[in-house]
């Protein structure tokens, strides 16, 4: 509520008023200025008059903008003002209340729980990461600490923990590995569920390149049963699936003793980061962009795999430190 924001920030009664007249003969330039004011978090007092708390960052941003406005034949004046009384201070503070946005975000995050056990946990995590980015944008323009902001942060943290538990359940197999010595894993059908994303695609690439070059790959619909003779991977109950600490790609590496290959292990760390929404792997954002591009231009799962196999091939070449190489 506005009262909560005001209560948290009644001490801040110094403000910056930005009074501007923008040229009417250049709509594009006018729109850029207005969008910049919005990105700074300005509240609108009336047409051409904007308000911000008086902070060094706000002064710097508005001063730079005033210089730009002058260059496009507009005018801008930056004034330091103070609230006349407590009532006006609360009125001004209310202009910066972000409670409604936080409440909408909390509801959206809570609604993700309805997909638990139905949708792919990786897809849920991708939606949650979108809400996390929105939170950063809102909180960056929330100039006064508030209880709604803390509630939104808690909701995101609790949801992230819950989704992480879905993605990395307790290991279902003793020792966390599969016995690969008593079965044949050559010229087999390997099945995973749609929609395909980083872990499924990377695992399919790994199977074809290092385990079963003549594999037949099957793409199952969400509720489609895995054929009895197929080897399932990257879904709940599959022969190879996420464990407490590993994504499927890492589980397959460990099961076939490929985790000693430093390049493959490094790709495993990257896939783990992509599926968990982590940011500590520098290449993660770039690889995610490449996968999204492949997803948009592909008409089928087979084409999507073909598009992304090149990405994983190049990553492997980049990470591979062959004997004798400098």
C-alpha atoms as a PDB file:
ATOM      1  CA  UNK A   1       0.000   0.000   0.000  1.00  0.00           C
ATOM      2  CA  UNK A   2       1.105   3.576  -0.469  1.00  0.00           C
ATOM      3  CA  UNK A   3       1.016   4.080   3.300  1.00  0.00           C
ATOM      4  CA  UNK A   4       3.606   1.313   3.750  1.00  0.00           C
ATOM      5  CA  UNK A   5       5.953   2.989   1.290  1.00  0.00           C
ATOM      6  CA  UNK A   6       5.411   6.379   2.866  1.00  0.00           C
ATOM      7  CA  UNK A   7       6.000   5.014   6.335  1.00  0.00           C
ATOM      8  CA  UNK A   8       9.316   3.551   5.182  1.00  0.00           C
ATOM      9  CA  UNK A   9      10.515   6.767   3.594  1.00  0.00           C
ATOM     10  CA  UNK A  10       9.023   9.804   5.326  1.00  0.00           C
ATOM     11  CA  UNK A  11      12.519  10.955   6.214  1.00  0.00           C
ATOM     12  CA  UNK A  12      13.310  11.493   2.523  1.00  0.00           C
ATOM     13  CA  UNK A  13      11.737  14.884   1.816  1.00  0.00           C
ATOM     14  CA  UNK A  14      14.311  16.252  -0.644  1.00  0.00           C
ATOM     15  CA  UNK A  15      13.300  15.891  -4.261  1.00  0.00           C
ATOM     16  CA  UNK A  16      14.421  16.739  -7.771  1.00  0.00           C
ATOM     17  CA  UNK A  17      11.819  18.329 -10.036  1.00  0.00           C
ATOM     18  CA  UNK A  18      12.574  18.059 -13.747  1.00  0.00           C
ATOM     19  CA  UNK A  19      10.691  20.635 -15.826  1.00  0.00           C
ATOM     20  CA  UNK A  20      11.018  20.141 -19.560  1.00  0.00           C
ATOM     21  CA  UNK A  21       9.601  21.280 -22.882  1.00  0.00           C
ATOM     22  CA  UNK A  22      10.247  18.830 -25.685  1.00  0.00           C
ATOM     23  CA  UNK A  23      10.304  19.614 -29.426  1.00  0.00           C
ATOM     24  CA  UNK A  24       7.104  18.697 -31.260  1.00  0.00           C
ATOM     25  CA  UNK A  25       8.685  18.360 -34.699  1.00  0.00           C
ATOM     26  CA  UNK A  26      10.655  15.210 -33.816  1.00  0.00           C
ATOM     27  CA  UNK A  27       8.318  12.561 -32.340  1.00  0.00           C
ATOM     28  CA  UNK A  28      11.052   9.913 -32.226  1.00  0.00           C
ATOM     29  CA  UNK A  29      13.394  12.124 -30.163  1.00  0.00           C
ATOM     30  CA  UNK A  30      10.505  13.102 -27.903  1.00  0.00           C
ATOM     31  CA  UNK A  31       9.668   9.446 -27.280  1.00  0.00           C
ATOM     32  CA  UNK A  32      13.308   8.632 -26.481  1.00  0.00           C
ATOM     33  CA  UNK A  33      13.371  11.339 -23.814  1.00  0.00           C
ATOM     34  CA  UNK A  34      10.127  10.123 -22.251  1.00  0.00           C
ATOM     35  CA  UNK A  35      11.363   6.539 -22.216  1.00  0.00           C
ATOM     36  CA  UNK A  36      14.607   7.633 -20.587  1.00  0.00           C
ATOM     37  CA  UNK A  37      12.667   9.452 -17.858  1.00  0.00           C
ATOM     38  CA  UNK A  38      10.609   6.298 -17.333  1.00  0.00           C
ATOM     39  CA  UNK A  39      13.747   4.151 -17.144  1.00  0.00           C
ATOM     40  CA  UNK A  40      15.107   6.461 -14.426  1.00  0.00           C
ATOM     41  CA  UNK A  41      11.966   5.817 -12.387  1.00  0.00           C
ATOM     42  CA  UNK A  42      10.538   9.330 -12.620  1.00  0.00           C
ATOM     43  CA  UNK A  43       7.022  10.015 -11.348  1.00  0.00           C
ATOM     44  CA  UNK A  44       4.833  12.348 -13.429  1.00  0.00           C
ATOM     45  CA  UNK A  45       3.494  15.401 -11.571  1.00  0.00           C
ATOM     46  CA  UNK A  46       1.907  16.886 -14.697  1.00  0.00           C
ATOM     47  CA  UNK A  47       2.696  17.206 -18.389  1.00  0.00           C
ATOM     48  CA  UNK A  48       6.388  18.144 -18.653  1.00  0.00           C
ATOM     49  CA  UNK A  49       7.060  17.976 -14.885  1.00  0.00           C
ATOM     50  CA  UNK A  50       8.731  14.907 -13.391  1.00  0.00           C
ATOM     51  CA  UNK A  51       9.865  13.974  -9.875  1.00  0.00           C
ATOM     52  CA  UNK A  52      12.651  11.867  -8.411  1.00  0.00           C
ATOM     53  CA  UNK A  53      14.163  11.501  -4.931  1.00  0.00           C
ATOM     54  CA  UNK A  54      17.238  13.694  -4.611  1.00  0.00           C
ATOM     55  CA  UNK A  55      20.148  11.259  -4.923  1.00  0.00           C
ATOM     56  CA  UNK A  56      23.553  11.579  -6.629  1.00  0.00           C
ATOM     57  CA  UNK A  57      22.544   9.015  -9.267  1.00  0.00           C
ATOM     58  CA  UNK A  58      19.284  10.852 -10.027  1.00  0.00           C
ATOM     59  CA  UNK A  59      21.119  14.191 -10.302  1.00  0.00           C
ATOM     60  CA  UNK A  60      23.664  12.739 -12.680  1.00  0.00           C
ATOM     61  CA  UNK A  61      21.054  11.056 -14.855  1.00  0.00           C
ATOM     62  CA  UNK A  62      18.767  14.083 -15.099  1.00  0.00           C
ATOM     63  CA  UNK A  63      21.640  16.496 -15.694  1.00  0.00           C
ATOM     64  CA  UNK A  64      22.931  14.395 -18.588  1.00  0.00           C
ATOM     65  CA  UNK A  65      19.416  14.190 -19.992  1.00  0.00           C
ATOM     66  CA  UNK A  66      19.008  17.975 -19.741  1.00  0.00           C
ATOM     67  CA  UNK A  67      22.130  18.435 -21.858  1.00  0.00           C
ATOM     68  CA  UNK A  68      20.689  16.079 -24.483  1.00  0.00           C
ATOM     69  CA  UNK A  69      17.324  17.872 -24.488  1.00  0.00           C
ATOM     70  CA  UNK A  70      19.116  21.169 -25.137  1.00  0.00           C
ATOM     71  CA  UNK A  71      20.917  19.640 -28.132  1.00  0.00           C
ATOM     72  CA  UNK A  72      17.593  18.716 -29.775  1.00  0.00           C
ATOM     73  CA  UNK A  73      16.207  22.251 -29.312  1.00  0.00           C
ATOM     74  CA  UNK A  74      14.159  21.481 -26.199  1.00  0.00           C
ATOM     75  CA  UNK A  75      14.514  22.950 -22.731  1.00  0.00           C
ATOM     76  CA  UNK A  76      14.954  21.334 -19.319  1.00  0.00           C
ATOM     77  CA  UNK A  77      15.377  22.721 -15.806  1.00  0.00           C
ATOM     78  CA  UNK A  78      16.458  20.665 -12.807  1.00  0.00           C
ATOM     79  CA  UNK A  79      15.186  22.023  -9.489  1.00  0.00           C
ATOM     80  CA  UNK A  80      15.907  20.887  -5.954  1.00  0.00           C
ATOM     81  CA  UNK A  81      12.723  21.047  -3.882  1.00  0.00           C
ATOM     82  CA  UNK A  82      11.468  19.908  -0.499  1.00  0.00           C
ATOM     83  CA  UNK A  83       8.045  18.847   0.724  1.00  0.00           C
ATOM     84  CA  UNK A  84       6.080  21.596   2.455  1.00  0.00           C
ATOM     85  CA  UNK A  85       4.555  19.298   5.053  1.00  0.00           C
ATOM     86  CA  UNK A  86       4.054  15.669   6.036  1.00  0.00           C
ATOM     87  CA  UNK A  87       0.929  15.286   3.928  1.00  0.00           C
ATOM     88  CA  UNK A  88       2.723  16.403   0.769  1.00  0.00           C
ATOM     89  CA  UNK A  89       5.700  14.163   1.599  1.00  0.00           C
ATOM     90  CA  UNK A  90       3.341  11.181   1.802  1.00  0.00           C
ATOM     91  CA  UNK A  91       1.692  12.218  -1.459  1.00  0.00           C
ATOM     92  CA  UNK A  92       5.065  12.347  -3.212  1.00  0.00           C
ATOM     93  CA  UNK A  93       6.155   9.033  -1.687  1.00  0.00           C
ATOM     94  CA  UNK A  94       2.946   7.450  -2.892  1.00  0.00           C
ATOM     95  CA  UNK A  95       3.947   8.248  -6.464  1.00  0.00           C
ATOM     96  CA  UNK A  96       6.838   5.800  -6.077  1.00  0.00           C
ATOM     97  CA  UNK A  97       4.876   2.982  -4.479  1.00  0.00           C
ATOM     98  CA  UNK A  98       5.688  -0.353  -6.182  1.00  0.00           C
ATOM     99  CA  UNK A  99       3.374  -2.510  -4.042  1.00  0.00           C
ATOM    100  CA  UNK A 100       0.986  -3.374  -6.886  1.00  0.00           C
ATOM    101  CA  UNK A 101       3.825  -4.577  -9.097  1.00  0.00           C
ATOM    102  CA  UNK A 102       5.288  -6.688  -6.293  1.00  0.00           C
ATOM    103  CA  UNK A 103       1.868  -8.180  -5.505  1.00  0.00           C
ATOM    104  CA  UNK A 104       1.325  -9.085  -9.154  1.00  0.00           C
ATOM    105  CA  UNK A 105       4.735 -10.735  -9.232  1.00  0.00           C
ATOM    106  CA  UNK A 106       4.049 -12.704  -6.031  1.00  0.00           C
ATOM    107  CA  UNK A 107       0.781 -13.999  -7.525  1.00  0.00           C
ATOM    108  CA  UNK A 108       2.541 -14.977 -10.756  1.00  0.00           C
ATOM    109  CA  UNK A 109       5.274 -16.810  -8.834  1.00  0.00           C
ATOM    110  CA  UNK A 110       2.688 -18.596  -6.663  1.00  0.00           C
ATOM    111  CA  UNK A 111       0.828 -19.727  -9.794  1.00  0.00           C
ATOM    112  CA  UNK A 112       3.919 -21.658 -10.905  1.00  0.00           C
ATOM    113  CA  UNK A 113       3.156 -24.218  -8.179  1.00  0.00           C
ATOM    114  CA  UNK A 114       0.140 -25.391 -10.168  1.00  0.00           C
ATOM    115  CA  UNK A 115       2.580 -26.720 -12.787  1.00  0.00           C
ATOM    116  CA  UNK A 116       4.589 -28.793 -10.285  1.00  0.00           C
ATOM    117  CA  UNK A 117       4.410 -32.447 -11.266  1.00  0.00           C
ATOM    118  CA  UNK A 118       2.819 -31.555 -14.622  1.00  0.00           C
ATOM    119  CA  UNK A 119       5.242 -29.357 -16.539  1.00  0.00           C
ATOM    120  CA  UNK A 120       8.925 -29.945 -17.066  1.00  0.00           C
ATOM    121  CA  UNK A 121      10.821 -28.436 -14.079  1.00  0.00           C
ATOM    122  CA  UNK A 122      13.306 -26.828 -16.474  1.00  0.00           C
ATOM    123  CA  UNK A 123      10.461 -24.953 -18.182  1.00  0.00           C
ATOM    124  CA  UNK A 124       9.204 -23.803 -14.773  1.00  0.00           C
ATOM    125  CA  UNK A 125      12.697 -22.591 -13.877  1.00  0.00           C
ATOM    126  CA  UNK A 126      12.877 -20.590 -17.109  1.00  0.00           C
ATOM    127  CA  UNK A 127       9.624 -18.817 -16.180  1.00  0.00           C
ATOM    128  CA  UNK A 128      10.903 -18.232 -12.667  1.00  0.00           C
ATOM    129  CA  UNK A 129      14.110 -16.703 -14.026  1.00  0.00           C
ATOM    130  CA  UNK A 130      11.955 -14.326 -16.076  1.00  0.00           C
ATOM    131  CA  UNK A 131      10.220 -13.201 -12.862  1.00  0.00           C
ATOM    132  CA  UNK A 132      13.621 -12.789 -11.193  1.00  0.00           C
ATOM    133  CA  UNK A 133      14.717 -10.453 -13.982  1.00  0.00           C
ATOM    134  CA  UNK A 134      11.474  -8.477 -13.602  1.00  0.00           C
ATOM    135  CA  UNK A 135      12.114  -8.201  -9.867  1.00  0.00           C
ATOM    136  CA  UNK A 136      15.545  -6.724 -10.501  1.00  0.00           C
ATOM    137  CA  UNK A 137      14.037  -4.103 -12.805  1.00  0.00           C
ATOM    138  CA  UNK A 138      11.299  -3.152 -10.330  1.00  0.00           C
ATOM    139  CA  UNK A 139      13.550  -3.097  -7.265  1.00  0.00           C
ATOM    140  CA  UNK A 140      16.162  -1.006  -9.089  1.00  0.00           C
ATOM    141  CA  UNK A 141      13.536   1.751  -9.318  1.00  0.00           C
ATOM    142  CA  UNK A 142      12.143   1.169  -5.817  1.00  0.00           C
ATOM    143  CA  UNK A 143      13.834   3.993  -3.982  1.00  0.00           C
ATOM    144  CA  UNK A 144      12.312   3.320  -0.561  1.00  0.00           C
ATOM    145  CA  UNK A 145      12.741  -0.042   1.225  1.00  0.00           C
ATOM    146  CA  UNK A 146       9.369  -1.671   1.788  1.00  0.00           C
ATOM    147  CA  UNK A 147       7.754  -4.810   3.158  1.00  0.00           C
ATOM    148  CA  UNK A 148       6.251  -5.736  -0.261  1.00  0.00           C
ATOM    149  CA  UNK A 149       9.731  -5.810  -1.783  1.00  0.00           C
ATOM    150  CA  UNK A 150      10.895  -8.170   0.972  1.00  0.00           C
ATOM    151  CA  UNK A 151       7.837 -10.394   0.429  1.00  0.00           C
ATOM    152  CA  UNK A 152       8.551 -10.578  -3.300  1.00  0.00           C
ATOM    153  CA  UNK A 153      12.190 -11.491  -2.650  1.00  0.00           C
ATOM    154  CA  UNK A 154      11.112 -14.249  -0.234  1.00  0.00           C
ATOM    155  CA  UNK A 155       8.553 -15.598  -2.702  1.00  0.00           C
ATOM    156  CA  UNK A 156      11.185 -15.817  -5.430  1.00  0.00           C
ATOM    157  CA  UNK A 157      13.722 -17.459  -3.128  1.00  0.00           C
ATOM    158  CA  UNK A 158      11.232 -20.056  -1.843  1.00  0.00           C
ATOM    159  CA  UNK A 159      10.000 -20.831  -5.367  1.00  0.00           C
ATOM    160  CA  UNK A 160      13.554 -21.216  -6.639  1.00  0.00           C
ATOM    161  CA  UNK A 161      14.336 -23.678  -3.854  1.00  0.00           C
ATOM    162  CA  UNK A 162      11.162 -25.675  -4.592  1.00  0.00           C
ATOM    163  CA  UNK A 163      11.853 -25.844  -8.336  1.00  0.00           C
ATOM    164  CA  UNK A 164      15.468 -26.785  -7.684  1.00  0.00           C
ATOM    165  CA  UNK A 165      14.220 -29.721  -5.587  1.00  0.00           C
ATOM    166  CA  UNK A 166      12.036 -30.810  -8.532  1.00  0.00           C
ATOM    167  CA  UNK A 167      14.958 -30.542 -10.927  1.00  0.00           C
ATOM    168  CA  UNK A 168      17.410 -32.373  -8.697  1.00  0.00           C
ATOM    169  CA  UNK A 169      15.495 -35.027  -6.733  1.00  0.00           C
ATOM    170  CA  UNK A 170      17.148 -37.453  -4.380  1.00  0.00           C
ATOM    171  CA  UNK A 171      19.097 -40.054  -6.340  1.00  0.00           C
ATOM    172  CA  UNK A 172      16.806 -42.944  -7.218  1.00  0.00           C
ATOM    173  CA  UNK A 173      19.605 -45.440  -7.816  1.00  0.00           C
ATOM    174  CA  UNK A 174      22.082 -46.879  -5.349  1.00  0.00           C
ATOM    175  CA  UNK A 175      25.362 -45.104  -5.695  1.00  0.00           C
ATOM    176  CA  UNK A 176      23.790 -42.666  -8.139  1.00  0.00           C
ATOM    177  CA  UNK A 177      25.030 -44.571 -11.212  1.00  0.00           C
ATOM    178  CA  UNK A 178      23.657 -47.071 -13.699  1.00  0.00           C
ATOM    179  CA  UNK A 179      25.273 -50.429 -14.334  1.00  0.00           C
ATOM    180  CA  UNK A 180      26.596 -50.022 -17.867  1.00  0.00           C
ATOM    181  CA  UNK A 181      28.627 -53.235 -17.844  1.00  0.00           C
ATOM    182  CA  UNK A 182      25.808 -55.776 -18.135  1.00  0.00           C
ATOM    183  CA  UNK A 183      23.717 -54.079 -20.841  1.00  0.00           C
ATOM    184  CA  UNK A 184      24.229 -53.239 -24.445  1.00  0.00           C
ATOM    185  CA  UNK A 185      24.110 -49.514 -25.230  1.00  0.00           C
ATOM    186  CA  UNK A 186      24.827 -49.745 -28.934  1.00  0.00           C
ATOM    187  CA  UNK A 187      22.386 -49.405 -31.829  1.00  0.00           C
ATOM    188  CA  UNK A 188      19.620 -48.730 -29.327  1.00  0.00           C
ATOM    189  CA  UNK A 189      16.609 -46.430 -29.256  1.00  0.00           C
ATOM    190  CA  UNK A 190      17.063 -43.531 -26.824  1.00  0.00           C
ATOM    191  CA  UNK A 191      13.967 -41.596 -25.794  1.00  0.00           C
ATOM    192  CA  UNK A 192      13.392 -38.247 -24.090  1.00  0.00           C
ATOM    193  CA  UNK A 193      10.371 -36.012 -23.629  1.00  0.00           C
ATOM    194  CA  UNK A 194       9.455 -32.773 -25.383  1.00  0.00           C
ATOM    195  CA  UNK A 195       9.895 -29.835 -25.174  1.00  0.00           C
ATOM    196  CA  UNK A 196      13.621 -30.124 -25.796  1.00  0.00           C
ATOM    197  CA  UNK A 197      16.036 -27.791 -24.083  1.00  0.00           C
ATOM    198  CA  UNK A 198      19.684 -27.670 -23.024  1.00  0.00           C
ATOM    199  CA  UNK A 199      19.919 -30.917 -21.021  1.00  0.00           C
ATOM    200  CA  UNK A 200      17.952 -33.069 -23.474  1.00  0.00           C
ATOM    201  CA  UNK A 201      19.771 -31.640 -26.506  1.00  0.00           C
ATOM    202  CA  UNK A 202      23.227 -31.889 -24.960  1.00  0.00           C
ATOM    203  CA  UNK A 203      22.513 -35.439 -23.755  1.00  0.00           C
ATOM    204  CA  UNK A 204      21.353 -36.477 -27.241  1.00  0.00           C
ATOM    205  CA  UNK A 205      24.562 -35.008 -28.683  1.00  0.00           C
ATOM    206  CA  UNK A 206      26.630 -36.856 -26.059  1.00  0.00           C
ATOM    207  CA  UNK A 207      24.906 -40.178 -26.814  1.00  0.00           C
ATOM    208  CA  UNK A 208      25.444 -39.852 -30.566  1.00  0.00           C
ATOM    209  CA  UNK A 209      29.049 -38.628 -30.323  1.00  0.00           C
ATOM    210  CA  UNK A 210      30.483 -40.750 -27.502  1.00  0.00           C
ATOM    211  CA  UNK A 211      28.182 -43.654 -26.555  1.00  0.00           C
ATOM    212  CA  UNK A 212      25.973 -44.918 -29.374  1.00  0.00           C
ATOM    213  CA  UNK A 213      26.825 -43.367 -32.772  1.00  0.00           C
ATOM    214  CA  UNK A 214      24.077 -45.420 -34.439  1.00  0.00           C
ATOM    215  CA  UNK A 215      21.427 -44.511 -31.872  1.00  0.00           C
ATOM    216  CA  UNK A 216      17.811 -43.992 -32.887  1.00  0.00           C
ATOM    217  CA  UNK A 217      16.500 -40.910 -31.082  1.00  0.00           C
ATOM    218  CA  UNK A 218      12.853 -40.736 -30.057  1.00  0.00           C
ATOM    219  CA  UNK A 219      11.035 -37.564 -28.975  1.00  0.00           C
ATOM    220  CA  UNK A 220       8.119 -38.420 -26.679  1.00  0.00           C
ATOM    221  CA  UNK A 221       5.110 -36.221 -26.006  1.00  0.00           C
ATOM    222  CA  UNK A 222       4.605 -35.148 -22.400  1.00  0.00           C
ATOM    223  CA  UNK A 223       2.450 -38.109 -21.313  1.00  0.00           C
ATOM    224  CA  UNK A 224       3.605 -40.631 -23.900  1.00  0.00           C
ATOM    225  CA  UNK A 225       4.937 -43.902 -22.470  1.00  0.00           C
ATOM    226  CA  UNK A 226       8.577 -44.667 -23.107  1.00  0.00           C
ATOM    227  CA  UNK A 227       8.815 -47.807 -25.329  1.00  0.00           C
ATOM    228  CA  UNK A 228       9.913 -50.844 -23.330  1.00  0.00           C
ATOM    229  CA  UNK A 229      13.060 -51.447 -25.376  1.00  0.00           C
ATOM    230  CA  UNK A 230      14.107 -47.787 -25.463  1.00  0.00           C
ATOM    231  CA  UNK A 231      16.553 -46.207 -23.029  1.00  0.00           C
ATOM    232  CA  UNK A 232      14.913 -43.193 -21.429  1.00  0.00           C
ATOM    233  CA  UNK A 233      16.825 -40.083 -20.461  1.00  0.00           C
ATOM    234  CA  UNK A 234      16.162 -36.598 -19.068  1.00  0.00           C
ATOM    235  CA  UNK A 235      12.713 -37.201 -17.583  1.00  0.00           C
ATOM    236  CA  UNK A 236      11.381 -38.490 -14.269  1.00  0.00           C
ATOM    237  CA  UNK A 237      11.767 -42.253 -13.907  1.00  0.00           C
ATOM    238  CA  UNK A 238      14.048 -42.581 -16.918  1.00  0.00           C
ATOM    239  CA  UNK A 239      17.154 -44.773 -16.889  1.00  0.00           C
ATOM    240  CA  UNK A 240      19.211 -41.599 -16.878  1.00  0.00           C
ATOM    241  CA  UNK A 241      17.668 -38.557 -15.195  1.00  0.00           C
ATOM    242  CA  UNK A 242      18.476 -35.678 -12.869  1.00  0.00           C
ATOM    243  CA  UNK A 243      19.751 -36.613  -9.414  1.00  0.00           C
ATOM    244  CA  UNK A 244      20.212 -34.533  -6.303  1.00  0.00           C
ATOM    245  CA  UNK A 245      23.365 -32.851  -7.599  1.00  0.00           C
ATOM    246  CA  UNK A 246      23.545 -33.539 -11.320  1.00  0.00           C
ATOM    247  CA  UNK A 247      21.565 -32.877 -14.476  1.00  0.00           C
ATOM    248  CA  UNK A 248      21.051 -35.795 -16.861  1.00  0.00           C
ATOM    249  CA  UNK A 249      24.077 -34.890 -18.992  1.00  0.00           C
ATOM    250  CA  UNK A 250      26.309 -35.134 -15.901  1.00  0.00           C
ATOM    251  CA  UNK A 251      24.642 -38.413 -14.829  1.00  0.00           C
ATOM    252  CA  UNK A 252      25.358 -39.964 -18.221  1.00  0.00           C
ATOM    253  CA  UNK A 253      28.961 -38.755 -18.044  1.00  0.00           C
ATOM    254  CA  UNK A 254      29.432 -40.380 -14.642  1.00  0.00           C
ATOM    255  CA  UNK A 255      27.664 -43.619 -15.607  1.00  0.00           C
ATOM    256  CA  UNK A 256      29.846 -44.167 -18.676  1.00  0.00           C
ATOM    257  CA  UNK A 257      32.973 -42.875 -16.913  1.00  0.00           C
ATOM    258  CA  UNK A 258      33.187 -39.971 -19.335  1.00  0.00           C
ATOM    259  CA  UNK A 259      33.464 -37.434 -16.511  1.00  0.00           C
ATOM    260  CA  UNK A 260      37.246 -37.882 -16.664  1.00  0.00           C
ATOM    261  CA  UNK A 261      37.145 -36.071 -20.006  1.00  0.00           C
ATOM    262  CA  UNK A 262      37.781 -32.468 -18.953  1.00  0.00           C
ATOM    263  CA  UNK A 263      36.071 -30.973 -21.999  1.00  0.00           C
ATOM    264  CA  UNK A 264      32.885 -33.015 -21.468  1.00  0.00           C
ATOM    265  CA  UNK A 265      32.923 -32.250 -17.738  1.00  0.00           C
ATOM    266  CA  UNK A 266      33.153 -28.556 -18.539  1.00  0.00           C
ATOM    267  CA  UNK A 267      30.181 -28.818 -20.912  1.00  0.00           C
ATOM    268  CA  UNK A 268      28.351 -30.612 -18.090  1.00  0.00           C
ATOM    269  CA  UNK A 269      28.958 -27.650 -15.793  1.00  0.00           C
ATOM    270  CA  UNK A 270      27.609 -25.343 -18.495  1.00  0.00           C
ATOM    271  CA  UNK A 271      24.447 -27.457 -19.019  1.00  0.00           C
ATOM    272  CA  UNK A 272      23.902 -27.590 -15.256  1.00  0.00           C
ATOM    273  CA  UNK A 273      24.080 -23.796 -15.141  1.00  0.00           C
ATOM    274  CA  UNK A 274      21.628 -23.403 -18.035  1.00  0.00           C
ATOM    275  CA  UNK A 275      19.079 -25.788 -16.531  1.00  0.00           C
ATOM    276  CA  UNK A 276      19.397 -24.374 -13.015  1.00  0.00           C
ATOM    277  CA  UNK A 277      19.270 -20.765 -14.197  1.00  0.00           C
ATOM    278  CA  UNK A 278      22.682 -20.046 -12.666  1.00  0.00           C
ATOM    279  CA  UNK A 279      24.961 -17.290 -13.930  1.00  0.00           C
ATOM    280  CA  UNK A 280      28.404 -18.319 -12.656  1.00  0.00           C
ATOM    281  CA  UNK A 281      29.422 -19.870 -16.001  1.00  0.00           C
ATOM    282  CA  UNK A 282      30.565 -17.071 -18.292  1.00  0.00           C
ATOM    283  CA  UNK A 283      29.506 -18.790 -21.522  1.00  0.00           C
ATOM    284  CA  UNK A 284      25.992 -19.659 -20.300  1.00  0.00           C
ATOM    285  CA  UNK A 285      24.229 -16.553 -21.631  1.00  0.00           C
ATOM    286  CA  UNK A 286      25.835 -16.861 -25.069  1.00  0.00           C
ATOM    287  CA  UNK A 287      25.026 -20.563 -25.415  1.00  0.00           C
ATOM    288  CA  UNK A 288      21.465 -19.928 -24.245  1.00  0.00           C
ATOM    289  CA  UNK A 289      21.073 -17.325 -27.000  1.00  0.00           C
ATOM    290  CA  UNK A 290      22.344 -19.807 -29.601  1.00  0.00           C
ATOM    291  CA  UNK A 291      19.919 -22.493 -28.406  1.00  0.00           C
ATOM    292  CA  UNK A 292      17.020 -20.032 -28.479  1.00  0.00           C
ATOM    293  CA  UNK A 293      17.947 -19.076 -32.045  1.00  0.00           C
ATOM    294  CA  UNK A 294      18.059 -22.740 -33.065  1.00  0.00           C
ATOM    295  CA  UNK A 295      14.680 -23.290 -31.420  1.00  0.00           C
ATOM    296  CA  UNK A 296      13.096 -20.463 -33.418  1.00  0.00           C
ATOM    297  CA  UNK A 297      14.410 -21.606 -36.783  1.00  0.00           C
ATOM    298  CA  UNK A 298      13.685 -25.329 -36.379  1.00  0.00           C
ATOM    299  CA  UNK A 299      10.490 -26.982 -37.610  1.00  0.00           C
ATOM    300  CA  UNK A 300      11.085 -30.335 -35.920  1.00  0.00           C
ATOM    301  CA  UNK A 301      12.976 -31.918 -33.029  1.00  0.00           C
ATOM    302  CA  UNK A 302      15.356 -33.615 -35.467  1.00  0.00           C
ATOM    303  CA  UNK A 303      16.176 -30.274 -37.097  1.00  0.00           C
ATOM    304  CA  UNK A 304      16.619 -28.657 -33.670  1.00  0.00           C
ATOM    305  CA  UNK A 305      19.131 -31.324 -32.673  1.00  0.00           C
ATOM    306  CA  UNK A 306      20.981 -30.910 -35.980  1.00  0.00           C
ATOM    307  CA  UNK A 307      21.151 -27.136 -35.398  1.00  0.00           C
ATOM    308  CA  UNK A 308      22.438 -27.468 -31.842  1.00  0.00           C
ATOM    309  CA  UNK A 309      24.901 -30.320 -32.442  1.00  0.00           C
ATOM    310  CA  UNK A 310      27.216 -27.807 -34.116  1.00  0.00           C
ATOM    311  CA  UNK A 311      27.142 -25.645 -30.991  1.00  0.00           C
ATOM    312  CA  UNK A 312      28.154 -28.567 -28.769  1.00  0.00           C
ATOM    313  CA  UNK A 313      30.787 -29.701 -31.278  1.00  0.00           C
ATOM    314  CA  UNK A 314      32.353 -26.245 -31.217  1.00  0.00           C
ATOM    315  CA  UNK A 315      32.211 -26.096 -27.418  1.00  0.00           C
ATOM    316  CA  UNK A 316      33.962 -29.452 -27.229  1.00  0.00           C
ATOM    317  CA  UNK A 317      36.680 -28.309 -29.623  1.00  0.00           C
ATOM    318  CA  UNK A 318      37.128 -25.084 -27.654  1.00  0.00           C
ATOM    319  CA  UNK A 319      37.367 -26.909 -24.324  1.00  0.00           C
ATOM    320  CA  UNK A 320      39.435 -29.871 -25.518  1.00  0.00           C
ATOM    321  CA  UNK A 321      43.089 -29.757 -24.547  1.00  0.00           C
ATOM    322  CA  UNK A 322      44.650 -32.419 -26.741  1.00  0.00           C
ATOM    323  CA  UNK A 323      47.999 -33.986 -25.669  1.00  0.00           C
ATOM    324  CA  UNK A 324      50.919 -32.113 -27.078  1.00  0.00           C
ATOM    325  CA  UNK A 325      48.964 -28.930 -27.746  1.00  0.00           C
ATOM    326  CA  UNK A 326      50.267 -25.712 -26.275  1.00  0.00           C
END
